[in-house]
Amino acid sequence: MNPDHPLLIALAPVAELVGGEIIAPEKMTNGDVALEWEGETIAGFRIPPMHSALDRLVAAVERELGANLSDLDRVEKQIAVRLLDEKGAFLLRKAIEDIADAMGVSRITIYNYLNTIRAS
C-alpha cells in the first residue's frame, strides 16, 4: 500500500474524524470497504465499531468547541448538545446519561436543552 497515493491522502482526514482505519488490501476482512483506483484495490477502509461511536462524536464536538464538555459554560453546553443532536448522538443507547455525566449536569438538563433546540 502506497500511503502517498492521492486517494489515501484525501481519505486520511475522513478516516481520522470518524475513527476508521485505512488498511493494506491483504489485511481486509468482510466488513471492510475496498478503496479502488482505476480498477485496482489500493487499500481498504475499516469502519470503526459502533460501541465507540458516542465517544467519537463527543471528541469531535470537543475539538470543534475547543474544550472538554465539562469545561463549557451553560451556553456552550447548549451549543454542544445541539451539535451532538445534529450528529445523531442521541439516537445511541444511554447517550443522554453519558453526555450528562460528561458535562456534569443532570439528565433533565439535557432533556431541557433538547426540548428547547427542537422547539425552535
PDB file of N, CA and C in Angstrom:
ATOM      1  N   MET A   1       0.850  -1.184   0.000  1.00  0.00           N
ATOM      2  CA  MET A   1       0.000   0.000   0.000  1.00  0.00           C
ATOM      3  C   MET A   1       0.889   1.239   0.000  1.00  0.00           C
ATOM      4  N   ASN A   2       0.582   2.144  -0.890  1.00  0.00           N
ATOM      5  CA  ASN A   2       1.355   3.379  -1.015  1.00  0.00           C
ATOM      6  C   ASN A   2       0.641   4.498  -0.247  1.00  0.00           C
ATOM      7  N   PRO A   3       1.143   4.908   0.923  1.00  0.00           N
ATOM      8  CA  PRO A   3       0.471   5.950   1.707  1.00  0.00           C
ATOM      9  C   PRO A   3       0.464   7.316   1.022  1.00  0.00           C
ATOM     10  N   ASP A   4       1.271   7.481  -0.022  1.00  0.00           N
ATOM     11  CA  ASP A   4       1.321   8.742  -0.751  1.00  0.00           C
ATOM     12  C   ASP A   4       0.334   8.793  -1.917  1.00  0.00           C
ATOM     13  N   HIS A   5      -0.466   7.742  -2.075  1.00  0.00           N
ATOM     14  CA  HIS A   5      -1.455   7.723  -3.148  1.00  0.00           C
ATOM     15  C   HIS A   5      -2.464   8.846  -2.895  1.00  0.00           C
ATOM     16  N   PRO A   6      -2.877   9.597  -3.938  1.00  0.00           N
ATOM     17  CA  PRO A   6      -3.779  10.738  -3.735  1.00  0.00           C
ATOM     18  C   PRO A   6      -5.115  10.368  -3.081  1.00  0.00           C
ATOM     19  N   LEU A   7      -5.648   9.200  -3.391  1.00  0.00           N
ATOM     20  CA  LEU A   7      -6.907   8.792  -2.769  1.00  0.00           C
ATOM     21  C   LEU A   7      -6.724   8.596  -1.267  1.00  0.00           C
ATOM     22  N   LEU A   8      -5.634   7.968  -0.868  1.00  0.00           N
ATOM     23  CA  LEU A   8      -5.394   7.713   0.545  1.00  0.00           C
ATOM     24  C   LEU A   8      -5.087   9.001   1.299  1.00  0.00           C
ATOM     25  N   ILE A   9      -4.392   9.913   0.654  1.00  0.00           N
ATOM     26  CA  ILE A   9      -4.132  11.226   1.261  1.00  0.00           C
ATOM     27  C   ILE A   9      -5.449  11.964   1.478  1.00  0.00           C
ATOM     28  N   ALA A  10      -6.337  11.901   0.477  1.00  0.00           N
ATOM     29  CA  ALA A  10      -7.636  12.589   0.578  1.00  0.00           C
ATOM     30  C   ALA A  10      -8.520  11.977   1.656  1.00  0.00           C
ATOM     31  N   LEU A  11      -8.460  10.655   1.818  1.00  0.00           N
ATOM     32  CA  LEU A  11      -9.327   9.980   2.783  1.00  0.00           C
ATOM     33  C   LEU A  11      -8.783   9.986   4.208  1.00  0.00           C
ATOM     34  N   ALA A  12      -7.511  10.260   4.396  1.00  0.00           N
ATOM     35  CA  ALA A  12      -6.908  10.201   5.734  1.00  0.00           C
ATOM     36  C   ALA A  12      -7.635  11.069   6.757  1.00  0.00           C
ATOM     37  N   PRO A  13      -7.970  12.328   6.454  1.00  0.00           N
ATOM     38  CA  PRO A  13      -8.670  13.125   7.462  1.00  0.00           C
ATOM     39  C   PRO A  13     -10.075  12.603   7.768  1.00  0.00           C
ATOM     40  N   VAL A  14     -10.719  12.017   6.779  1.00  0.00           N
ATOM     41  CA  VAL A  14     -12.048  11.439   6.997  1.00  0.00           C
ATOM     42  C   VAL A  14     -11.939  10.234   7.920  1.00  0.00           C
ATOM     43  N   ALA A  15     -10.965   9.389   7.649  1.00  0.00           N
ATOM     44  CA  ALA A  15     -10.755   8.208   8.494  1.00  0.00           C
ATOM     45  C   ALA A  15     -10.482   8.628   9.930  1.00  0.00           C
ATOM     46  N   GLU A  16      -9.657   9.637  10.091  1.00  0.00           N
ATOM     47  CA  GLU A  16      -9.343  10.109  11.446  1.00  0.00           C
ATOM     48  C   GLU A  16     -10.584  10.673  12.135  1.00  0.00           C
ATOM     49  N   LEU A  17     -11.368  11.436  11.424  1.00  0.00           N
ATOM     50  CA  LEU A  17     -12.551  12.067  12.012  1.00  0.00           C
ATOM     51  C   LEU A  17     -13.574  11.049  12.483  1.00  0.00           C
ATOM     52  N   VAL A  18     -13.795  10.017  11.687  1.00  0.00           N
ATOM     53  CA  VAL A  18     -14.822   9.032  12.049  1.00  0.00           C
ATOM     54  C   VAL A  18     -14.258   7.860  12.843  1.00  0.00           C
ATOM     55  N   GLY A  19     -12.960   7.846  13.064  1.00  0.00           N
ATOM     56  CA  GLY A  19     -12.353   6.763  13.833  1.00  0.00           C
ATOM     57  C   GLY A  19     -12.113   5.509  13.020  1.00  0.00           C
ATOM     58  N   GLY A  20     -12.130   5.638  11.692  1.00  0.00           N
ATOM     59  CA  GLY A  20     -11.871   4.496  10.821  1.00  0.00           C
ATOM     60  C   GLY A  20     -10.387   4.307  10.601  1.00  0.00           C
ATOM     61  N   GLU A  21     -10.068   3.294   9.827  1.00  0.00           N
ATOM     62  CA  GLU A  21      -8.662   2.976   9.586  1.00  0.00           C
ATOM     63  C   GLU A  21      -8.478   2.584   8.131  1.00  0.00           C
ATOM     64  N   ILE A  22      -7.447   3.136   7.511  1.00  0.00           N
ATOM     65  CA  ILE A  22      -7.070   2.730   6.161  1.00  0.00           C
ATOM     66  C   ILE A  22      -6.058   1.605   6.306  1.00  0.00           C
ATOM     67  N   ILE A  23      -6.352   0.485   5.642  1.00  0.00           N
ATOM     68  CA  ILE A  23      -5.526  -0.715   5.805  1.00  0.00           C
ATOM     69  C   ILE A  23      -5.055  -1.229   4.452  1.00  0.00           C
ATOM     70  N   ALA A  24      -4.019  -2.032   4.480  1.00  0.00           N
ATOM     71  CA  ALA A  24      -3.498  -2.662   3.261  1.00  0.00           C
ATOM     72  C   ALA A  24      -4.517  -3.670   2.730  1.00  0.00           C
ATOM     73  N   PRO A  25      -4.603  -3.831   1.412  1.00  0.00           N
ATOM     74  CA  PRO A  25      -5.591  -4.751   0.824  1.00  0.00           C
ATOM     75  C   PRO A  25      -5.510  -6.171   1.384  1.00  0.00           C
ATOM     76  N   GLU A  26      -4.313  -6.664   1.662  1.00  0.00           N
ATOM     77  CA  GLU A  26      -4.171  -8.034   2.149  1.00  0.00           C
ATOM     78  C   GLU A  26      -4.666  -8.207   3.598  1.00  0.00           C
ATOM     79  N   LYS A  27      -4.915  -7.116   4.297  1.00  0.00           N
ATOM     80  CA  LYS A  27      -5.417  -7.190   5.674  1.00  0.00           C
ATOM     81  C   LYS A  27      -6.935  -7.021   5.749  1.00  0.00           C
ATOM     82  N   MET A  28      -7.582  -6.841   4.585  1.00  0.00           N
ATOM     83  CA  MET A  28      -9.026  -6.619   4.567  1.00  0.00           C
ATOM     84  C   MET A  28      -9.792  -7.866   4.992  1.00  0.00           C
ATOM     85  N   THR A  29     -10.910  -7.617   5.681  1.00  0.00           N
ATOM     86  CA  THR A  29     -11.832  -8.685   6.059  1.00  0.00           C
ATOM     87  C   THR A  29     -13.212  -8.329   5.517  1.00  0.00           C
ATOM     88  N   ASN A  30     -14.211  -9.166   5.795  1.00  0.00           N
ATOM     89  CA  ASN A  30     -15.545  -8.986   5.210  1.00  0.00           C
ATOM     90  C   ASN A  30     -16.184  -7.630   5.443  1.00  0.00           C
ATOM     91  N   GLY A  31     -16.001  -7.010   6.577  1.00  0.00           N
ATOM     92  CA  GLY A  31     -16.664  -5.740   6.859  1.00  0.00           C
ATOM     93  C   GLY A  31     -15.976  -4.517   6.289  1.00  0.00           C
ATOM     94  N   ASP A  32     -14.819  -4.674   5.698  1.00  0.00           N
ATOM     95  CA  ASP A  32     -14.051  -3.537   5.193  1.00  0.00           C
ATOM     96  C   ASP A  32     -14.548  -3.094   3.817  1.00  0.00           C
ATOM     97  N   VAL A  33     -14.332  -1.827   3.519  1.00  0.00           N
ATOM     98  CA  VAL A  33     -14.727  -1.251   2.234  1.00  0.00           C
ATOM     99  C   VAL A  33     -13.480  -1.167   1.352  1.00  0.00           C
ATOM    100  N   ALA A  34     -13.567  -1.728   0.164  1.00  0.00           N
ATOM    101  CA  ALA A  34     -12.442  -1.674  -0.772  1.00  0.00           C
ATOM    102  C   ALA A  34     -12.321  -0.266  -1.352  1.00  0.00           C
ATOM    103  N   LEU A  35     -11.125   0.267  -1.335  1.00  0.00           N
ATOM    104  CA  LEU A  35     -10.841   1.564  -1.942  1.00  0.00           C
ATOM    105  C   LEU A  35     -10.169   1.290  -3.281  1.00  0.00           C
ATOM    106  N   GLU A  36     -10.906   1.574  -4.337  1.00  0.00           N
ATOM    107  CA  GLU A  36     -10.425   1.243  -5.673  1.00  0.00           C
ATOM    108  C   GLU A  36     -10.024   2.498  -6.438  1.00  0.00           C
ATOM    109  N   TRP A  37      -8.995   2.341  -7.256  1.00  0.00           N
ATOM    110  CA  TRP A  37      -8.495   3.412  -8.111  1.00  0.00           C
ATOM    111  C   TRP A  37      -8.163   2.783  -9.448  1.00  0.00           C
ATOM    112  N   GLU A  38      -8.857   3.233 -10.480  1.00  0.00           N
ATOM    113  CA  GLU A  38      -8.648   2.732 -11.833  1.00  0.00           C
ATOM    114  C   GLU A  38      -8.705   1.203 -11.888  1.00  0.00           C
ATOM    115  N   GLY A  39      -9.718   0.646 -11.207  1.00  0.00           N
ATOM    116  CA  GLY A  39      -9.954  -0.789 -11.253  1.00  0.00           C
ATOM    117  C   GLY A  39      -9.094  -1.634 -10.331  1.00  0.00           C
ATOM    118  N   GLU A  40      -8.232  -1.028  -9.559  1.00  0.00           N
ATOM    119  CA  GLU A  40      -7.344  -1.761  -8.657  1.00  0.00           C
ATOM    120  C   GLU A  40      -7.663  -1.395  -7.206  1.00  0.00           C
ATOM    121  N   THR A  41      -7.763  -2.400  -6.353  1.00  0.00           N
ATOM    122  CA  THR A  41      -7.956  -2.144  -4.924  1.00  0.00           C
ATOM    123  C   THR A  41      -6.610  -1.734  -4.342  1.00  0.00           C
ATOM    124  N   ILE A  42      -6.528  -0.473  -3.920  1.00  0.00           N
ATOM    125  CA  ILE A  42      -5.256   0.040  -3.410  1.00  0.00           C
ATOM    126  C   ILE A  42      -5.179   0.005  -1.888  1.00  0.00           C
ATOM    127  N   ALA A  43      -6.348  -0.117  -1.250  1.00  0.00           N
ATOM    128  CA  ALA A  43      -6.395  -0.170   0.213  1.00  0.00           C
ATOM    129  C   ALA A  43      -7.808  -0.546   0.620  1.00  0.00           C
ATOM    130  N   GLY A  44      -7.983  -0.674   1.908  1.00  0.00           N
ATOM    131  CA  GLY A  44      -9.307  -0.911   2.462  1.00  0.00           C
ATOM    132  C   GLY A  44      -9.599   0.119   3.524  1.00  0.00           C
ATOM    133  N   PHE A  45     -10.873   0.313   3.798  1.00  0.00           N
ATOM    134  CA  PHE A  45     -11.285   1.216   4.873  1.00  0.00           C
ATOM    135  C   PHE A  45     -12.032   0.387   5.898  1.00  0.00           C
ATOM    136  N   ARG A  46     -11.509   0.361   7.103  1.00  0.00           N
ATOM    137  CA  ARG A  46     -12.135  -0.390   8.191  1.00  0.00           C
ATOM    138  C   ARG A  46     -13.004   0.570   9.003  1.00  0.00           C
ATOM    139  N   ILE A  47     -14.287   0.286   9.003  1.00  0.00           N
ATOM    140  CA  ILE A  47     -15.263   1.103   9.724  1.00  0.00           C
ATOM    141  C   ILE A  47     -15.109   0.834  11.215  1.00  0.00           C
ATOM    142  N   PRO A  48     -15.132   1.884  12.029  1.00  0.00           N
ATOM    143  CA  PRO A  48     -14.946   1.679  13.465  1.00  0.00           C
ATOM    144  C   PRO A  48     -16.149   0.988  14.100  1.00  0.00           C
ATOM    145  N   PRO A  49     -15.934   0.317  15.227  1.00  0.00           N
ATOM    146  CA  PRO A  49     -17.041  -0.362  15.903  1.00  0.00           C
ATOM    147  C   PRO A  49     -18.043   0.642  16.473  1.00  0.00           C
ATOM    148  N   MET A  50     -19.290   0.250  16.501  1.00  0.00           N
ATOM    149  CA  MET A  50     -20.345   1.142  16.995  1.00  0.00           C
ATOM    150  C   MET A  50     -20.212   1.456  18.480  1.00  0.00           C
ATOM    151  N   HIS A  51     -19.632   0.552  19.251  1.00  0.00           N
ATOM    152  CA  HIS A  51     -19.584   0.777  20.692  1.00  0.00           C
ATOM    153  C   HIS A  51     -18.782   2.022  21.079  1.00  0.00           C
ATOM    154  N   SER A  52     -17.972   2.541  20.172  1.00  0.00           N
ATOM    155  CA  SER A  52     -17.208   3.752  20.476  1.00  0.00           C
ATOM    156  C   SER A  52     -17.745   4.977  19.737  1.00  0.00           C
ATOM    157  N   ALA A  53     -18.918   4.850  19.131  1.00  0.00           N
ATOM    158  CA  ALA A  53     -19.472   5.945  18.328  1.00  0.00           C
ATOM    159  C   ALA A  53     -19.713   7.200  19.158  1.00  0.00           C
ATOM    160  N   LEU A  54     -20.301   7.049  20.334  1.00  0.00           N
ATOM    161  CA  LEU A  54     -20.586   8.224  21.151  1.00  0.00           C
ATOM    162  C   LEU A  54     -19.305   8.925  21.572  1.00  0.00           C
ATOM    163  N   ASP A  55     -18.295   8.160  21.932  1.00  0.00           N
ATOM    164  CA  ASP A  55     -17.009   8.763  22.303  1.00  0.00           C
ATOM    165  C   ASP A  55     -16.433   9.579  21.152  1.00  0.00           C
ATOM    166  N   ARG A  56     -16.544   9.044  19.931  1.00  0.00           N
ATOM    167  CA  ARG A  56     -16.026   9.772  18.764  1.00  0.00           C
ATOM    168  C   ARG A  56     -16.824  11.054  18.511  1.00  0.00           C
ATOM    169  N   LEU A  57     -18.146  10.986  18.668  1.00  0.00           N
ATOM    170  CA  LEU A  57     -18.978  12.172  18.464  1.00  0.00           C
ATOM    171  C   LEU A  57     -18.657  13.244  19.503  1.00  0.00           C
ATOM    172  N   VAL A  58     -18.516  12.833  20.756  1.00  0.00           N
ATOM    173  CA  VAL A  58     -18.169  13.783  21.817  1.00  0.00           C
ATOM    174  C   VAL A  58     -16.805  14.401  21.539  1.00  0.00           C
ATOM    175  N   ALA A  59     -15.842  13.584  21.150  1.00  0.00           N
ATOM    176  CA  ALA A  59     -14.499  14.107  20.854  1.00  0.00           C
ATOM    177  C   ALA A  59     -14.536  15.112  19.706  1.00  0.00           C
ATOM    178  N   ALA A  60     -15.350  14.851  18.699  1.00  0.00           N
ATOM    179  CA  ALA A  60     -15.461  15.779  17.566  1.00  0.00           C
ATOM    180  C   ALA A  60     -16.043  17.111  18.011  1.00  0.00           C
ATOM    181  N   VAL A  61     -17.058  17.071  18.860  1.00  0.00           N
ATOM    182  CA  VAL A  61     -17.669  18.314  19.353  1.00  0.00           C
ATOM    183  C   VAL A  61     -16.687  19.052  20.264  1.00  0.00           C
ATOM    184  N   GLU A  62     -15.968  18.322  21.097  1.00  0.00           N
ATOM    185  CA  GLU A  62     -14.972  18.972  21.950  1.00  0.00           C
ATOM    186  C   GLU A  62     -13.886  19.647  21.112  1.00  0.00           C
ATOM    187  N   ARG A  63     -13.458  18.994  20.035  1.00  0.00           N
ATOM    188  CA  ARG A  63     -12.474  19.621  19.138  1.00  0.00           C
ATOM    189  C   ARG A  63     -13.062  20.887  18.516  1.00  0.00           C
ATOM    190  N   GLU A  64     -14.308  20.776  18.072  1.00  0.00           N
ATOM    191  CA  GLU A  64     -14.951  21.919  17.422  1.00  0.00           C
ATOM    192  C   GLU A  64     -15.092  23.103  18.375  1.00  0.00           C
ATOM    193  N   LEU A  65     -15.415  22.829  19.630  1.00  0.00           N
ATOM    194  CA  LEU A  65     -15.619  23.902  20.598  1.00  0.00           C
ATOM    195  C   LEU A  65     -14.343  24.284  21.345  1.00  0.00           C
ATOM    196  N   GLY A  66     -13.315  23.463  21.224  1.00  0.00           N
ATOM    197  CA  GLY A  66     -12.028  23.792  21.829  1.00  0.00           C
ATOM    198  C   GLY A  66     -11.929  23.545  23.324  1.00  0.00           C
ATOM    199  N   ALA A  67     -12.807  22.708  23.861  1.00  0.00           N
ATOM    200  CA  ALA A  67     -12.759  22.411  25.302  1.00  0.00           C
ATOM    201  C   ALA A  67     -13.517  21.128  25.593  1.00  0.00           C
ATOM    202  N   ASN A  68     -13.207  20.520  26.730  1.00  0.00           N
ATOM    203  CA  ASN A  68     -13.960  19.357  27.188  1.00  0.00           C
ATOM    204  C   ASN A  68     -15.383  19.775  27.541  1.00  0.00           C
ATOM    205  N   LEU A  69     -16.325  18.855  27.379  1.00  0.00           N
ATOM    206  CA  LEU A  69     -17.717  19.169  27.693  1.00  0.00           C
ATOM    207  C   LEU A  69     -17.869  19.686  29.115  1.00  0.00           C
ATOM    208  N   SER A  70     -17.136  19.125  30.040  1.00  0.00           N
ATOM    209  CA  SER A  70     -17.254  19.521  31.441  1.00  0.00           C
ATOM    210  C   SER A  70     -16.757  20.938  31.704  1.00  0.00           C
ATOM    211  N   ASP A  71     -15.921  21.467  30.814  1.00  0.00           N
ATOM    212  CA  ASP A  71     -15.360  22.806  30.999  1.00  0.00           C
ATOM    213  C   ASP A  71     -16.176  23.905  30.324  1.00  0.00           C
ATOM    214  N   LEU A  72     -17.236  23.546  29.621  1.00  0.00           N
ATOM    215  CA  LEU A  72     -18.037  24.528  28.898  1.00  0.00           C
ATOM    216  C   LEU A  72     -18.974  25.262  29.846  1.00  0.00           C
ATOM    217  N   ASP A  73     -19.267  26.525  29.515  1.00  0.00           N
ATOM    218  CA  ASP A  73     -20.285  27.237  30.286  1.00  0.00           C
ATOM    219  C   ASP A  73     -21.670  26.817  29.787  1.00  0.00           C
ATOM    220  N   ARG A  74     -22.716  27.353  30.389  1.00  0.00           N
ATOM    221  CA  ARG A  74     -24.093  26.929  30.082  1.00  0.00           C
ATOM    222  C   ARG A  74     -24.427  27.086  28.602  1.00  0.00           C
ATOM    223  N   VAL A  75     -24.125  28.232  28.037  1.00  0.00           N
ATOM    224  CA  VAL A  75     -24.443  28.484  26.628  1.00  0.00           C
ATOM    225  C   VAL A  75     -23.654  27.538  25.720  1.00  0.00           C
ATOM    226  N   GLU A  76     -22.400  27.327  26.038  1.00  0.00           N
ATOM    227  CA  GLU A  76     -21.573  26.406  25.246  1.00  0.00           C
ATOM    228  C   GLU A  76     -22.081  24.967  25.361  1.00  0.00           C
ATOM    229  N   LYS A  77     -22.573  24.593  26.524  1.00  0.00           N
ATOM    230  CA  LYS A  77     -23.143  23.248  26.694  1.00  0.00           C
ATOM    231  C   LYS A  77     -24.389  23.087  25.830  1.00  0.00           C
ATOM    232  N   GLN A  78     -25.193  24.145  25.745  1.00  0.00           N
ATOM    233  CA  GLN A  78     -26.367  24.099  24.872  1.00  0.00           C
ATOM    234  C   GLN A  78     -25.934  23.942  23.414  1.00  0.00           C
ATOM    235  N   ILE A  79     -24.887  24.642  23.029  1.00  0.00           N
ATOM    236  CA  ILE A  79     -24.356  24.517  21.668  1.00  0.00           C
ATOM    237  C   ILE A  79     -23.848  23.095  21.445  1.00  0.00           C
ATOM    238  N   ALA A  80     -23.142  22.556  22.430  1.00  0.00           N
ATOM    239  CA  ALA A  80     -22.620  21.188  22.318  1.00  0.00           C
ATOM    240  C   ALA A  80     -23.758  20.192  22.160  1.00  0.00           C
ATOM    241  N   VAL A  81     -24.830  20.358  22.921  1.00  0.00           N
ATOM    242  CA  VAL A  81     -25.982  19.459  22.808  1.00  0.00           C
ATOM    243  C   VAL A  81     -26.597  19.578  21.418  1.00  0.00           C
ATOM    244  N   ARG A  82     -26.696  20.801  20.897  1.00  0.00           N
ATOM    245  CA  ARG A  82     -27.227  20.981  19.538  1.00  0.00           C
ATOM    246  C   ARG A  82     -26.352  20.267  18.510  1.00  0.00           C
ATOM    247  N   LEU A  83     -25.043  20.429  18.625  1.00  0.00           N
ATOM    248  CA  LEU A  83     -24.125  19.773  17.689  1.00  0.00           C
ATOM    249  C   LEU A  83     -24.218  18.248  17.798  1.00  0.00           C
ATOM    250  N   LEU A  84     -24.272  17.742  19.015  1.00  0.00           N
ATOM    251  CA  LEU A  84     -24.400  16.292  19.210  1.00  0.00           C
ATOM    252  C   LEU A  84     -25.720  15.778  18.654  1.00  0.00           C
ATOM    253  N   ASP A  85     -26.777  16.556  18.833  1.00  0.00           N
ATOM    254  CA  ASP A  85     -28.079  16.162  18.296  1.00  0.00           C
ATOM    255  C   ASP A  85     -28.039  16.136  16.764  1.00  0.00           C
ATOM    256  N   GLU A  86     -27.410  17.135  16.161  1.00  0.00           N
ATOM    257  CA  GLU A  86     -27.282  17.176  14.703  1.00  0.00           C
ATOM    258  C   GLU A  86     -26.478  15.988  14.170  1.00  0.00           C
ATOM    259  N   LYS A  87     -25.541  15.508  14.961  1.00  0.00           N
ATOM    260  CA  LYS A  87     -24.704  14.372  14.556  1.00  0.00           C
ATOM    261  C   LYS A  87     -25.363  13.030  14.867  1.00  0.00           C
ATOM    262  N   GLY A  88     -26.545  13.057  15.492  1.00  0.00           N
ATOM    263  CA  GLY A  88     -27.275  11.830  15.784  1.00  0.00           C
ATOM    264  C   GLY A  88     -26.861  11.131  17.065  1.00  0.00           C
ATOM    265  N   ALA A  89     -26.141  11.823  17.915  1.00  0.00           N
ATOM    266  CA  ALA A  89     -25.635  11.195  19.137  1.00  0.00           C
ATOM    267  C   ALA A  89     -26.750  10.659  20.027  1.00  0.00           C
ATOM    268  N   PHE A  90     -27.879  11.343  20.056  1.00  0.00           N
ATOM    269  CA  PHE A  90     -28.936  10.958  20.985  1.00  0.00           C
ATOM    270  C   PHE A  90     -29.773   9.791  20.475  1.00  0.00           C
ATOM    271  N   LEU A  91     -29.413   9.280  19.315  1.00  0.00           N
ATOM    272  CA  LEU A  91     -30.044   8.050  18.828  1.00  0.00           C
ATOM    273  C   LEU A  91     -29.396   6.816  19.454  1.00  0.00           C
ATOM    274  N   LEU A  92     -28.227   7.021  20.037  1.00  0.00           N
ATOM    275  CA  LEU A  92     -27.489   5.912  20.635  1.00  0.00           C
ATOM    276  C   LEU A  92     -27.991   5.635  22.050  1.00  0.00           C
ATOM    277  N   ARG A  93     -27.984   4.381  22.406  1.00  0.00           N
ATOM    278  CA  ARG A  93     -28.452   3.934  23.719  1.00  0.00           C
ATOM    279  C   ARG A  93     -27.625   4.570  24.835  1.00  0.00           C
ATOM    280  N   LYS A  94     -28.295   5.091  25.846  1.00  0.00           N
ATOM    281  CA  LYS A  94     -27.705   5.702  27.035  1.00  0.00           C
ATOM    282  C   LYS A  94     -26.942   6.990  26.747  1.00  0.00           C
ATOM    283  N   ALA A  95     -27.152   7.595  25.586  1.00  0.00           N
ATOM    284  CA  ALA A  95     -26.420   8.813  25.243  1.00  0.00           C
ATOM    285  C   ALA A  95     -26.766   9.962  26.181  1.00  0.00           C
ATOM    286  N   ILE A  96     -28.037  10.110  26.519  1.00  0.00           N
ATOM    287  CA  ILE A  96     -28.448  11.207  27.410  1.00  0.00           C
ATOM    288  C   ILE A  96     -27.658  11.119  28.721  1.00  0.00           C
ATOM    289  N   GLU A  97     -27.648   9.938  29.326  1.00  0.00           N
ATOM    290  CA  GLU A  97     -26.964   9.750  30.598  1.00  0.00           C
ATOM    291  C   GLU A  97     -25.464   9.975  30.477  1.00  0.00           C
ATOM    292  N   ASP A  98     -24.879   9.416  29.428  1.00  0.00           N
ATOM    293  CA  ASP A  98     -23.430   9.528  29.252  1.00  0.00           C
ATOM    294  C   ASP A  98     -23.001  10.969  28.994  1.00  0.00           C
ATOM    295  N   ILE A  99     -23.768  11.687  28.190  1.00  0.00           N
ATOM    296  CA  ILE A  99     -23.427  13.079  27.889  1.00  0.00           C
ATOM    297  C   ILE A  99     -23.670  13.953  29.112  1.00  0.00           C
ATOM    298  N   ALA A 100     -24.744  13.695  29.834  1.00  0.00           N
ATOM    299  CA  ALA A 100     -24.996  14.439  31.079  1.00  0.00           C
ATOM    300  C   ALA A 100     -23.821  14.255  32.040  1.00  0.00           C
ATOM    301  N   ASP A 101     -23.354  13.017  32.186  1.00  0.00           N
ATOM    302  CA  ASP A 101     -22.199  12.753  33.058  1.00  0.00           C
ATOM    303  C   ASP A 101     -20.960  13.493  32.570  1.00  0.00           C
ATOM    304  N   ALA A 102     -20.718  13.467  31.265  1.00  0.00           N
ATOM    305  CA  ALA A 102     -19.540  14.138  30.705  1.00  0.00           C
ATOM    306  C   ALA A 102     -19.591  15.648  30.908  1.00  0.00           C
ATOM    307  N   MET A 103     -20.809  16.209  30.878  1.00  0.00           N
ATOM    308  CA  MET A 103     -20.969  17.657  31.061  1.00  0.00           C
ATOM    309  C   MET A 103     -21.042  18.065  32.532  1.00  0.00           C
ATOM    310  N   GLY A 104     -21.336  17.106  33.393  1.00  0.00           N
ATOM    311  CA  GLY A 104     -21.509  17.441  34.805  1.00  0.00           C
ATOM    312  C   GLY A 104     -22.863  18.069  35.083  1.00  0.00           C
ATOM    313  N   VAL A 105     -23.880  17.658  34.318  1.00  0.00           N
ATOM    314  CA  VAL A 105     -25.245  18.159  34.508  1.00  0.00           C
ATOM    315  C   VAL A 105     -26.181  16.958  34.664  1.00  0.00           C
ATOM    316  N   SER A 106     -27.431  17.240  34.952  1.00  0.00           N
ATOM    317  CA  SER A 106     -28.399  16.157  35.101  1.00  0.00           C
ATOM    318  C   SER A 106     -28.986  15.762  33.746  1.00  0.00           C
ATOM    319  N   ARG A 107     -29.604  14.588  33.730  1.00  0.00           N
ATOM    320  CA  ARG A 107     -30.308  14.146  32.518  1.00  0.00           C
ATOM    321  C   ARG A 107     -31.428  15.131  32.176  1.00  0.00           C
ATOM    322  N   ILE A 108     -32.084  15.648  33.188  1.00  0.00           N
ATOM    323  CA  ILE A 108     -33.174  16.609  32.970  1.00  0.00           C
ATOM    324  C   ILE A 108     -32.657  17.844  32.236  1.00  0.00           C
ATOM    325  N   THR A 109     -31.465  18.281  32.589  1.00  0.00           N
ATOM    326  CA  THR A 109     -30.868  19.434  31.904  1.00  0.00           C
ATOM    327  C   THR A 109     -30.687  19.138  30.421  1.00  0.00           C
ATOM    328  N   ILE A 110     -30.180  17.951  30.097  1.00  0.00           N
ATOM    329  CA  ILE A 110     -30.001  17.578  28.688  1.00  0.00           C
ATOM    330  C   ILE A 110     -31.347  17.544  27.984  1.00  0.00           C
ATOM    331  N   TYR A 111     -32.347  16.938  28.621  1.00  0.00           N
ATOM    332  CA  TYR A 111     -33.687  16.913  28.022  1.00  0.00           C
ATOM    333  C   TYR A 111     -34.216  18.329  27.804  1.00  0.00           C
ATOM    334  N   ASN A 112     -33.994  19.222  28.762  1.00  0.00           N
ATOM    335  CA  ASN A 112     -34.441  20.615  28.602  1.00  0.00           C
ATOM    336  C   ASN A 112     -33.735  21.281  27.426  1.00  0.00           C
ATOM    337  N   TYR A 113     -32.418  21.074  27.310  1.00  0.00           N
ATOM    338  CA  TYR A 113     -31.682  21.632  26.179  1.00  0.00           C
ATOM    339  C   TYR A 113     -32.249  21.094  24.865  1.00  0.00           C
ATOM    340  N   LEU A 114     -32.472  19.803  24.811  1.00  0.00           N
ATOM    341  CA  LEU A 114     -33.006  19.188  23.579  1.00  0.00           C
ATOM    342  C   LEU A 114     -34.389  19.706  23.248  1.00  0.00           C
ATOM    343  N   ASN A 115     -35.252  19.843  24.252  1.00  0.00           N
ATOM    344  CA  ASN A 115     -36.596  20.373  24.014  1.00  0.00           C
ATOM    345  C   ASN A 115     -36.533  21.779  23.460  1.00  0.00           C
ATOM    346  N   THR A 116     -35.668  22.609  24.008  1.00  0.00           N
ATOM    347  CA  THR A 116     -35.507  23.984  23.530  1.00  0.00           C
ATOM    348  C   THR A 116     -34.994  24.008  22.093  1.00  0.00           C
ATOM    349  N   ILE A 117     -33.973  23.186  21.827  1.00  0.00           N
ATOM    350  CA  ILE A 117     -33.389  23.117  20.480  1.00  0.00           C
ATOM    351  C   ILE A 117     -34.418  22.661  19.453  1.00  0.00           C
ATOM    352  N   ARG A 118     -35.128  21.618  19.790  1.00  0.00           N
ATOM    353  CA  ARG A 118     -36.064  21.020  18.839  1.00  0.00           C
ATOM    354  C   ARG A 118     -37.342  21.831  18.662  1.00  0.00           C
ATOM    355  N   ALA A 119     -37.645  22.710  19.614  1.00  0.00           N
ATOM    356  CA  ALA A 119     -38.836  23.560  19.512  1.00  0.00           C
ATOM    357  C   ALA A 119     -38.592  24.772  18.614  1.00  0.00           C
ATOM    358  N   SER A 120     -37.322  25.121  18.436  1.00  0.00           N
ATOM    359  CA  SER A 120     -37.032  26.331  17.638  1.00  0.00           C
ATOM    360  C   SER A 120     -36.831  26.028  16.182  1.00  0.00           C
TER     361      SER A 120
END
